[in-house]
């Protein structure tokens, strides 16, 4: 368990030092983890840039099916979500290449003046849109999460929380808490395998947005950075448009899925 916590600190530190693409050995490099520890390592690793299972030659087996049917079932969910977020990973990779901004960022990234965020070392931002709160201790099924300013949605339950502040959220063995920033426009993989825009509703009368860089496939062509804006009208309707600059907004061509509308406000 201490190694699990250290791995997060290492990835955060490397990102701030100009090495955005890193990740620990999922399952641990040496020894034989318990099913719980293995699963918590897998859940964290799937939300870090470099994700692969690896262990020392004489270490125990590290495949998900070696830890029983419950772990295997939860592992499938973890891997499916990693694939669903693939377009977001592609976008973060391009932005890291172009700007140096790491995929994985400390909570104080957008508000370094806030002391409470600077002191938080057990959660992180994945890009601008997602906040990940991994489970780093055994036996935990709920945990406190420090939130930056603004509204955040629990992506599993849809419940809305207001920051800044600290909230208590469920963290069952099947998942770790992941929260989405209100107004975020996330590129994800749709049910048909194509790109879909997942939009987390802004509060009424407020706006949000996000960047999308599509996978250009083979070749050397530099993909375009697409900017999207979201806004929630006073009556509650969420509008999503692509921003072409100079005030030119157009309707989007990709499928759009709006989430968070059931939350209060």
C-alpha atoms as a PDB file:
ATOM      1  CA  UNK A   1       0.000   0.000   0.000  1.00  0.00           C
ATOM      2  CA  UNK A   2       2.802   2.525   0.646  1.00  0.00           C
ATOM      3  CA  UNK A   3       4.084   1.782  -2.861  1.00  0.00           C
ATOM      4  CA  UNK A   4       0.660   2.537  -4.314  1.00  0.00           C
ATOM      5  CA  UNK A   5       0.625   5.973  -2.708  1.00  0.00           C
ATOM      6  CA  UNK A   6       4.218   6.602  -3.769  1.00  0.00           C
ATOM      7  CA  UNK A   7       3.417   5.740  -7.382  1.00  0.00           C
ATOM      8  CA  UNK A   8       0.888   8.569  -7.580  1.00  0.00           C
ATOM      9  CA  UNK A   9       3.378  11.048  -6.120  1.00  0.00           C
ATOM     10  CA  UNK A  10       5.977   9.882  -8.636  1.00  0.00           C
ATOM     11  CA  UNK A  11       3.696  10.345 -11.654  1.00  0.00           C
ATOM     12  CA  UNK A  12       2.620  13.801 -10.451  1.00  0.00           C
ATOM     13  CA  UNK A  13       6.232  14.829  -9.868  1.00  0.00           C
ATOM     14  CA  UNK A  14       7.424  13.562 -13.242  1.00  0.00           C
ATOM     15  CA  UNK A  15       4.639  15.463 -14.979  1.00  0.00           C
ATOM     16  CA  UNK A  16       5.681  18.711 -13.319  1.00  0.00           C
ATOM     17  CA  UNK A  17       9.296  18.028 -14.337  1.00  0.00           C
ATOM     18  CA  UNK A  18       8.454  17.716 -18.032  1.00  0.00           C
ATOM     19  CA  UNK A  19       7.857  13.955 -18.280  1.00  0.00           C
ATOM     20  CA  UNK A  20       4.102  13.720 -18.923  1.00  0.00           C
ATOM     21  CA  UNK A  21       3.945  10.062 -19.997  1.00  0.00           C
ATOM     22  CA  UNK A  22       4.594   7.725 -17.076  1.00  0.00           C
ATOM     23  CA  UNK A  23       2.921   5.130 -14.885  1.00  0.00           C
ATOM     24  CA  UNK A  24       3.720   2.467 -12.270  1.00  0.00           C
ATOM     25  CA  UNK A  25       3.869  -1.306 -12.627  1.00  0.00           C
ATOM     26  CA  UNK A  26       0.203  -2.246 -12.234  1.00  0.00           C
ATOM     27  CA  UNK A  27      -0.009  -4.893  -9.542  1.00  0.00           C
ATOM     28  CA  UNK A  28       3.411  -3.962  -8.189  1.00  0.00           C
ATOM     29  CA  UNK A  29       6.837  -5.060  -9.401  1.00  0.00           C
ATOM     30  CA  UNK A  30       7.625  -7.491  -6.605  1.00  0.00           C
ATOM     31  CA  UNK A  31       5.675  -9.705  -4.241  1.00  0.00           C
ATOM     32  CA  UNK A  32       2.137 -11.030  -4.476  1.00  0.00           C
ATOM     33  CA  UNK A  33      -0.547  -8.388  -3.811  1.00  0.00           C
ATOM     34  CA  UNK A  34      -3.859  -9.218  -2.200  1.00  0.00           C
ATOM     35  CA  UNK A  35      -6.905  -9.130  -4.497  1.00  0.00           C
ATOM     36  CA  UNK A  36      -7.910  -5.785  -2.997  1.00  0.00           C
ATOM     37  CA  UNK A  37      -4.491  -4.211  -3.480  1.00  0.00           C
ATOM     38  CA  UNK A  38      -4.224  -5.559  -7.020  1.00  0.00           C
ATOM     39  CA  UNK A  39      -7.610  -4.104  -7.949  1.00  0.00           C
ATOM     40  CA  UNK A  40      -6.877  -0.711  -6.399  1.00  0.00           C
ATOM     41  CA  UNK A  41      -3.584  -0.623  -8.310  1.00  0.00           C
ATOM     42  CA  UNK A  42      -5.399  -1.501 -11.521  1.00  0.00           C
ATOM     43  CA  UNK A  43      -8.033   1.197 -10.952  1.00  0.00           C
ATOM     44  CA  UNK A  44      -5.391   3.862 -10.404  1.00  0.00           C
ATOM     45  CA  UNK A  45      -3.158   2.661 -13.234  1.00  0.00           C
ATOM     46  CA  UNK A  46      -5.995   2.811 -15.760  1.00  0.00           C
ATOM     47  CA  UNK A  47      -6.338   6.535 -15.051  1.00  0.00           C
ATOM     48  CA  UNK A  48      -2.626   7.269 -15.472  1.00  0.00           C
ATOM     49  CA  UNK A  49      -0.920   7.787 -18.859  1.00  0.00           C
ATOM     50  CA  UNK A  50       1.277   4.657 -19.048  1.00  0.00           C
ATOM     51  CA  UNK A  51      -0.874   1.639 -18.220  1.00  0.00           C
ATOM     52  CA  UNK A  52       0.453  -1.926 -18.275  1.00  0.00           C
ATOM     53  CA  UNK A  53       0.828  -4.868 -15.924  1.00  0.00           C
ATOM     54  CA  UNK A  54       4.415  -5.851 -15.205  1.00  0.00           C
ATOM     55  CA  UNK A  55       6.265  -7.658 -12.429  1.00  0.00           C
ATOM     56  CA  UNK A  56       9.615  -9.174 -11.536  1.00  0.00           C
ATOM     57  CA  UNK A  57      10.442 -12.623 -12.883  1.00  0.00           C
ATOM     58  CA  UNK A  58       9.928 -14.343  -9.504  1.00  0.00           C
ATOM     59  CA  UNK A  59       6.924 -12.262  -8.441  1.00  0.00           C
ATOM     60  CA  UNK A  60       3.427 -13.710  -8.317  1.00  0.00           C
ATOM     61  CA  UNK A  61       1.171 -13.811 -11.350  1.00  0.00           C
ATOM     62  CA  UNK A  62      -0.309 -10.443 -12.305  1.00  0.00           C
ATOM     63  CA  UNK A  63      -3.197 -11.279 -14.641  1.00  0.00           C
ATOM     64  CA  UNK A  64      -6.691 -10.183 -13.475  1.00  0.00           C
ATOM     65  CA  UNK A  65      -8.095 -13.723 -13.666  1.00  0.00           C
ATOM     66  CA  UNK A  66      -5.557 -14.894 -11.088  1.00  0.00           C
ATOM     67  CA  UNK A  67      -7.407 -12.996  -8.331  1.00  0.00           C
ATOM     68  CA  UNK A  68     -10.861 -14.551  -8.558  1.00  0.00           C
ATOM     69  CA  UNK A  69     -14.102 -13.855 -10.446  1.00  0.00           C
ATOM     70  CA  UNK A  70     -14.999 -10.695  -8.515  1.00  0.00           C
ATOM     71  CA  UNK A  71     -11.697  -8.999  -9.314  1.00  0.00           C
ATOM     72  CA  UNK A  72     -11.931 -10.158 -12.923  1.00  0.00           C
ATOM     73  CA  UNK A  73     -15.396  -8.640 -13.276  1.00  0.00           C
ATOM     74  CA  UNK A  74     -14.285  -5.334 -11.791  1.00  0.00           C
ATOM     75  CA  UNK A  75     -11.161  -5.390 -13.981  1.00  0.00           C
ATOM     76  CA  UNK A  76     -13.308  -5.666 -17.109  1.00  0.00           C
ATOM     77  CA  UNK A  77     -15.147  -2.502 -16.083  1.00  0.00           C
ATOM     78  CA  UNK A  78     -11.815  -0.726 -15.536  1.00  0.00           C
ATOM     79  CA  UNK A  79     -10.513  -1.748 -18.962  1.00  0.00           C
ATOM     80  CA  UNK A  80     -13.767  -0.823 -20.708  1.00  0.00           C
ATOM     81  CA  UNK A  81     -13.627   2.661 -19.188  1.00  0.00           C
ATOM     82  CA  UNK A  82     -10.004   3.065 -20.243  1.00  0.00           C
ATOM     83  CA  UNK A  83     -11.069   2.315 -23.820  1.00  0.00           C
ATOM     84  CA  UNK A  84     -14.103   4.598 -23.588  1.00  0.00           C
ATOM     85  CA  UNK A  85     -11.811   7.470 -22.610  1.00  0.00           C
ATOM     86  CA  UNK A  86      -9.359   6.777 -25.461  1.00  0.00           C
ATOM     87  CA  UNK A  87     -10.292   9.952 -27.424  1.00  0.00           C
ATOM     88  CA  UNK A  88      -9.661  11.976 -24.262  1.00  0.00           C
ATOM     89  CA  UNK A  89      -6.263  10.297 -23.857  1.00  0.00           C
ATOM     90  CA  UNK A  90      -5.416  11.176 -27.475  1.00  0.00           C
ATOM     91  CA  UNK A  91      -6.373  14.787 -26.805  1.00  0.00           C
ATOM     92  CA  UNK A  92      -4.277  14.950 -23.622  1.00  0.00           C
ATOM     93  CA  UNK A  93      -1.302  13.419 -25.451  1.00  0.00           C
ATOM     94  CA  UNK A  94      -1.459  16.054 -28.178  1.00  0.00           C
ATOM     95  CA  UNK A  95      -1.815  18.881 -25.672  1.00  0.00           C
ATOM     96  CA  UNK A  96       1.142  17.553 -23.655  1.00  0.00           C
ATOM     97  CA  UNK A  97       3.217  17.437 -26.841  1.00  0.00           C
ATOM     98  CA  UNK A  98       2.266  20.959 -27.880  1.00  0.00           C
ATOM     99  CA  UNK A  99       2.146  22.784 -24.551  1.00  0.00           C
ATOM    100  CA  UNK A 100       4.033  20.646 -22.024  1.00  0.00           C
ATOM    101  CA  UNK A 101       0.955  20.413 -19.789  1.00  0.00           C
ATOM    102  CA  UNK A 102       0.961  16.943 -18.163  1.00  0.00           C
ATOM    103  CA  UNK A 103      -1.953  14.547 -18.451  1.00  0.00           C
ATOM    104  CA  UNK A 104      -1.974  14.131 -14.661  1.00  0.00           C
ATOM    105  CA  UNK A 105      -2.026  17.389 -12.703  1.00  0.00           C
ATOM    106  CA  UNK A 106      -2.118  18.276  -9.010  1.00  0.00           C
ATOM    107  CA  UNK A 107      -5.367  19.759  -7.730  1.00  0.00           C
ATOM    108  CA  UNK A 108      -3.752  23.188  -7.418  1.00  0.00           C
ATOM    109  CA  UNK A 109      -2.966  23.301 -11.161  1.00  0.00           C
ATOM    110  CA  UNK A 110      -5.545  26.007 -11.937  1.00  0.00           C
ATOM    111  CA  UNK A 111      -5.502  27.656  -8.494  1.00  0.00           C
ATOM    112  CA  UNK A 112      -1.977  27.525  -7.001  1.00  0.00           C
ATOM    113  CA  UNK A 113      -2.890  30.206  -4.475  1.00  0.00           C
ATOM    114  CA  UNK A 114      -5.286  27.856  -2.640  1.00  0.00           C
ATOM    115  CA  UNK A 115      -3.369  26.278   0.254  1.00  0.00           C
ATOM    116  CA  UNK A 116      -5.866  23.446   0.787  1.00  0.00           C
ATOM    117  CA  UNK A 117      -5.326  22.258  -2.790  1.00  0.00           C
ATOM    118  CA  UNK A 118      -1.541  22.503  -2.493  1.00  0.00           C
ATOM    119  CA  UNK A 119      -1.637  20.245   0.556  1.00  0.00           C
ATOM    120  CA  UNK A 120      -3.709  17.536  -1.185  1.00  0.00           C
ATOM    121  CA  UNK A 121      -1.573  14.594  -2.336  1.00  0.00           C
ATOM    122  CA  UNK A 122      -4.150  11.804  -2.620  1.00  0.00           C
ATOM    123  CA  UNK A 123      -6.141  13.014  -5.649  1.00  0.00           C
ATOM    124  CA  UNK A 124      -5.361  14.537  -9.029  1.00  0.00           C
ATOM    125  CA  UNK A 125      -6.794  16.151 -12.131  1.00  0.00           C
ATOM    126  CA  UNK A 126      -6.806  14.205 -15.387  1.00  0.00           C
ATOM    127  CA  UNK A 127      -6.642  17.033 -17.870  1.00  0.00           C
ATOM    128  CA  UNK A 128      -8.929  19.958 -17.113  1.00  0.00           C
ATOM    129  CA  UNK A 129     -12.137  17.964 -16.952  1.00  0.00           C
ATOM    130  CA  UNK A 130     -11.804  15.027 -14.543  1.00  0.00           C
ATOM    131  CA  UNK A 131     -10.832  14.718 -10.878  1.00  0.00           C
ATOM    132  CA  UNK A 132      -9.656  11.272  -9.759  1.00  0.00           C
ATOM    133  CA  UNK A 133      -9.630  10.235  -6.087  1.00  0.00           C
ATOM    134  CA  UNK A 134      -7.946   6.805  -5.906  1.00  0.00           C
ATOM    135  CA  UNK A 135      -8.210   4.522  -2.901  1.00  0.00           C
ATOM    136  CA  UNK A 136      -4.749   4.279  -1.334  1.00  0.00           C
ATOM    137  CA  UNK A 137      -5.505   2.395   1.904  1.00  0.00           C
ATOM    138  CA  UNK A 138      -6.972  -1.063   2.627  1.00  0.00           C
ATOM    139  CA  UNK A 139     -10.581  -1.561   3.654  1.00  0.00           C
ATOM    140  CA  UNK A 140     -11.777   1.823   2.405  1.00  0.00           C
ATOM    141  CA  UNK A 141     -15.272   2.067   0.889  1.00  0.00           C
ATOM    142  CA  UNK A 142     -15.779   5.823   1.358  1.00  0.00           C
ATOM    143  CA  UNK A 143     -13.259   8.611   1.222  1.00  0.00           C
ATOM    144  CA  UNK A 144     -12.953  12.375   1.582  1.00  0.00           C
ATOM    145  CA  UNK A 145     -12.258  14.322  -1.597  1.00  0.00           C
ATOM    146  CA  UNK A 146     -10.964  17.880  -1.747  1.00  0.00           C
ATOM    147  CA  UNK A 147     -12.715  19.845  -4.510  1.00  0.00           C
ATOM    148  CA  UNK A 148     -11.446  22.918  -6.359  1.00  0.00           C
ATOM    149  CA  UNK A 149     -13.842  25.793  -6.886  1.00  0.00           C
ATOM    150  CA  UNK A 150     -16.955  25.099  -8.966  1.00  0.00           C
ATOM    151  CA  UNK A 151     -19.485  22.328  -9.438  1.00  0.00           C
ATOM    152  CA  UNK A 152     -18.344  18.721  -9.787  1.00  0.00           C
ATOM    153  CA  UNK A 153     -20.353  15.635 -10.715  1.00  0.00           C
ATOM    154  CA  UNK A 154     -19.735  12.115  -9.455  1.00  0.00           C
ATOM    155  CA  UNK A 155     -19.531  10.301 -12.805  1.00  0.00           C
ATOM    156  CA  UNK A 156     -20.920   7.073 -11.301  1.00  0.00           C
ATOM    157  CA  UNK A 157     -23.973   8.511  -9.547  1.00  0.00           C
ATOM    158  CA  UNK A 158     -24.489  11.880 -11.249  1.00  0.00           C
ATOM    159  CA  UNK A 159     -24.639  13.634  -7.881  1.00  0.00           C
ATOM    160  CA  UNK A 160     -23.432  17.237  -7.907  1.00  0.00           C
ATOM    161  CA  UNK A 161     -21.046  18.742  -5.351  1.00  0.00           C
ATOM    162  CA  UNK A 162     -20.002  22.354  -4.924  1.00  0.00           C
ATOM    163  CA  UNK A 163     -16.408  23.394  -4.356  1.00  0.00           C
ATOM    164  CA  UNK A 164     -14.235  24.617  -2.870  1.00  0.00           C
ATOM    165  CA  UNK A 165     -14.442  22.280   0.054  1.00  0.00           C
ATOM    166  CA  UNK A 166     -14.221  18.667   1.103  1.00  0.00           C
ATOM    167  CA  UNK A 167     -16.912  16.053   0.494  1.00  0.00           C
ATOM    168  CA  UNK A 168     -17.355  12.394   1.421  1.00  0.00           C
ATOM    169  CA  UNK A 169     -18.022  10.082  -1.539  1.00  0.00           C
ATOM    170  CA  UNK A 170     -18.551   6.358  -1.994  1.00  0.00           C
ATOM    171  CA  UNK A 171     -15.531   4.308  -3.079  1.00  0.00           C
ATOM    172  CA  UNK A 172     -16.706   0.676  -3.252  1.00  0.00           C
ATOM    173  CA  UNK A 173     -14.296  -2.048  -4.281  1.00  0.00           C
ATOM    174  CA  UNK A 174     -15.773  -1.926  -7.786  1.00  0.00           C
ATOM    175  CA  UNK A 175     -14.567   1.617  -8.561  1.00  0.00           C
ATOM    176  CA  UNK A 176     -12.699   4.705  -7.429  1.00  0.00           C
ATOM    177  CA  UNK A 177     -14.330   8.141  -7.322  1.00  0.00           C
ATOM    178  CA  UNK A 178     -14.054  10.114 -10.559  1.00  0.00           C
ATOM    179  CA  UNK A 179     -15.679  13.535 -10.734  1.00  0.00           C
ATOM    180  CA  UNK A 180     -16.309  15.664 -13.818  1.00  0.00           C
ATOM    181  CA  UNK A 181     -16.119  19.436 -13.874  1.00  0.00           C
ATOM    182  CA  UNK A 182     -19.452  21.122 -14.627  1.00  0.00           C
ATOM    183  CA  UNK A 183     -19.488  22.399 -18.200  1.00  0.00           C
ATOM    184  CA  UNK A 184     -16.780  19.996 -19.358  1.00  0.00           C
ATOM    185  CA  UNK A 185     -16.912  18.734 -22.950  1.00  0.00           C
ATOM    186  CA  UNK A 186     -15.164  15.342 -23.044  1.00  0.00           C
ATOM    187  CA  UNK A 187     -14.339  13.369 -26.200  1.00  0.00           C
ATOM    188  CA  UNK A 188     -15.169   9.713 -25.535  1.00  0.00           C
ATOM    189  CA  UNK A 189     -15.717   6.550 -27.518  1.00  0.00           C
ATOM    190  CA  UNK A 190     -19.388   6.007 -28.312  1.00  0.00           C
ATOM    191  CA  UNK A 191     -21.246   2.709 -28.437  1.00  0.00           C
ATOM    192  CA  UNK A 192     -20.605   2.498 -32.200  1.00  0.00           C
ATOM    193  CA  UNK A 193     -16.857   3.007 -31.760  1.00  0.00           C
ATOM    194  CA  UNK A 194     -16.942   6.560 -33.085  1.00  0.00           C
ATOM    195  CA  UNK A 195     -16.212   9.787 -31.254  1.00  0.00           C
ATOM    196  CA  UNK A 196     -18.919  11.156 -28.972  1.00  0.00           C
ATOM    197  CA  UNK A 197     -18.968  14.375 -26.962  1.00  0.00           C
ATOM    198  CA  UNK A 198     -19.876  13.805 -23.323  1.00  0.00           C
ATOM    199  CA  UNK A 199     -21.022  17.093 -21.828  1.00  0.00           C
ATOM    200  CA  UNK A 200     -21.469  17.667 -18.104  1.00  0.00           C
ATOM    201  CA  UNK A 201     -24.175  20.269 -17.657  1.00  0.00           C
ATOM    202  CA  UNK A 202     -23.045  23.697 -16.460  1.00  0.00           C
ATOM    203  CA  UNK A 203     -25.087  25.392 -13.733  1.00  0.00           C
ATOM    204  CA  UNK A 204     -28.001  27.440 -15.075  1.00  0.00           C
ATOM    205  CA  UNK A 205     -26.823  30.572 -16.847  1.00  0.00           C
ATOM    206  CA  UNK A 206     -23.184  29.407 -16.850  1.00  0.00           C
ATOM    207  CA  UNK A 207     -20.804  28.187 -19.558  1.00  0.00           C
ATOM    208  CA  UNK A 208     -18.073  25.576 -19.975  1.00  0.00           C
ATOM    209  CA  UNK A 209     -16.119  23.894 -22.711  1.00  0.00           C
ATOM    210  CA  UNK A 210     -13.307  21.608 -23.741  1.00  0.00           C
ATOM    211  CA  UNK A 211     -10.716  20.791 -26.381  1.00  0.00           C
ATOM    212  CA  UNK A 212     -10.709  17.840 -28.764  1.00  0.00           C
ATOM    213  CA  UNK A 213      -7.814  16.540 -30.862  1.00  0.00           C
ATOM    214  CA  UNK A 214      -8.836  13.642 -33.067  1.00  0.00           C
ATOM    215  CA  UNK A 215      -6.681  10.619 -33.774  1.00  0.00           C
ATOM    216  CA  UNK A 216      -5.173  11.397 -37.186  1.00  0.00           C
ATOM    217  CA  UNK A 217      -4.285   7.756 -37.830  1.00  0.00           C
ATOM    218  CA  UNK A 218      -1.158   6.855 -39.776  1.00  0.00           C
ATOM    219  CA  UNK A 219       0.996   9.557 -41.303  1.00  0.00           C
ATOM    220  CA  UNK A 220       2.597  12.811 -40.246  1.00  0.00           C
ATOM    221  CA  UNK A 221      -0.302  15.218 -40.604  1.00  0.00           C
ATOM    222  CA  UNK A 222      -0.700  17.455 -37.555  1.00  0.00           C
ATOM    223  CA  UNK A 223      -4.262  17.144 -36.227  1.00  0.00           C
ATOM    224  CA  UNK A 224      -6.338  20.221 -35.519  1.00  0.00           C
ATOM    225  CA  UNK A 225      -7.201  21.351 -32.006  1.00  0.00           C
ATOM    226  CA  UNK A 226     -10.978  21.769 -31.883  1.00  0.00           C
ATOM    227  CA  UNK A 227     -12.549  24.010 -29.263  1.00  0.00           C
ATOM    228  CA  UNK A 228     -16.081  23.439 -27.978  1.00  0.00           C
ATOM    229  CA  UNK A 229     -18.252  25.555 -25.709  1.00  0.00           C
ATOM    230  CA  UNK A 230     -21.231  24.537 -23.606  1.00  0.00           C
ATOM    231  CA  UNK A 231     -23.801  26.732 -21.954  1.00  0.00           C
ATOM    232  CA  UNK A 232     -26.915  26.089 -19.930  1.00  0.00           C
ATOM    233  CA  UNK A 233     -29.800  28.386 -20.607  1.00  0.00           C
ATOM    234  CA  UNK A 234     -31.955  29.758 -17.806  1.00  0.00           C
ATOM    235  CA  UNK A 235     -34.703  27.258 -18.620  1.00  0.00           C
ATOM    236  CA  UNK A 236     -32.244  24.386 -18.271  1.00  0.00           C
ATOM    237  CA  UNK A 237     -31.473  23.486 -21.889  1.00  0.00           C
ATOM    238  CA  UNK A 238     -27.802  22.709 -22.573  1.00  0.00           C
ATOM    239  CA  UNK A 239     -26.357  23.995 -25.853  1.00  0.00           C
ATOM    240  CA  UNK A 240     -23.050  22.700 -27.261  1.00  0.00           C
ATOM    241  CA  UNK A 241     -21.282  24.367 -30.181  1.00  0.00           C
ATOM    242  CA  UNK A 242     -17.895  24.369 -31.843  1.00  0.00           C
ATOM    243  CA  UNK A 243     -15.925  27.598 -31.537  1.00  0.00           C
ATOM    244  CA  UNK A 244     -14.091  28.509 -34.752  1.00  0.00           C
ATOM    245  CA  UNK A 245     -12.709  31.743 -33.322  1.00  0.00           C
ATOM    246  CA  UNK A 246     -13.665  35.402 -33.796  1.00  0.00           C
ATOM    247  CA  UNK A 247     -17.068  34.693 -32.301  1.00  0.00           C
ATOM    248  CA  UNK A 248     -18.031  32.116 -34.929  1.00  0.00           C
ATOM    249  CA  UNK A 249     -20.009  29.285 -33.321  1.00  0.00           C
ATOM    250  CA  UNK A 250     -21.515  26.355 -35.207  1.00  0.00           C
ATOM    251  CA  UNK A 251     -23.536  23.301 -34.280  1.00  0.00           C
ATOM    252  CA  UNK A 252     -21.504  20.145 -33.696  1.00  0.00           C
ATOM    253  CA  UNK A 253     -21.549  17.183 -36.072  1.00  0.00           C
ATOM    254  CA  UNK A 254     -20.645  14.482 -33.563  1.00  0.00           C
ATOM    255  CA  UNK A 255     -23.179  12.770 -31.295  1.00  0.00           C
ATOM    256  CA  UNK A 256     -23.610  14.641 -28.000  1.00  0.00           C
ATOM    257  CA  UNK A 257     -24.568  13.095 -24.677  1.00  0.00           C
ATOM    258  CA  UNK A 258     -25.456  15.512 -21.882  1.00  0.00           C
ATOM    259  CA  UNK A 259     -25.062  14.308 -18.310  1.00  0.00           C
ATOM    260  CA  UNK A 260     -25.823  15.915 -14.962  1.00  0.00           C
ATOM    261  CA  UNK A 261     -29.207  17.365 -15.919  1.00  0.00           C
ATOM    262  CA  UNK A 262     -30.911  15.492 -13.096  1.00  0.00           C
ATOM    263  CA  UNK A 263     -28.734  17.186 -10.478  1.00  0.00           C
ATOM    264  CA  UNK A 264     -30.231  20.125  -8.621  1.00  0.00           C
ATOM    265  CA  UNK A 265     -29.552  23.526 -10.206  1.00  0.00           C
END
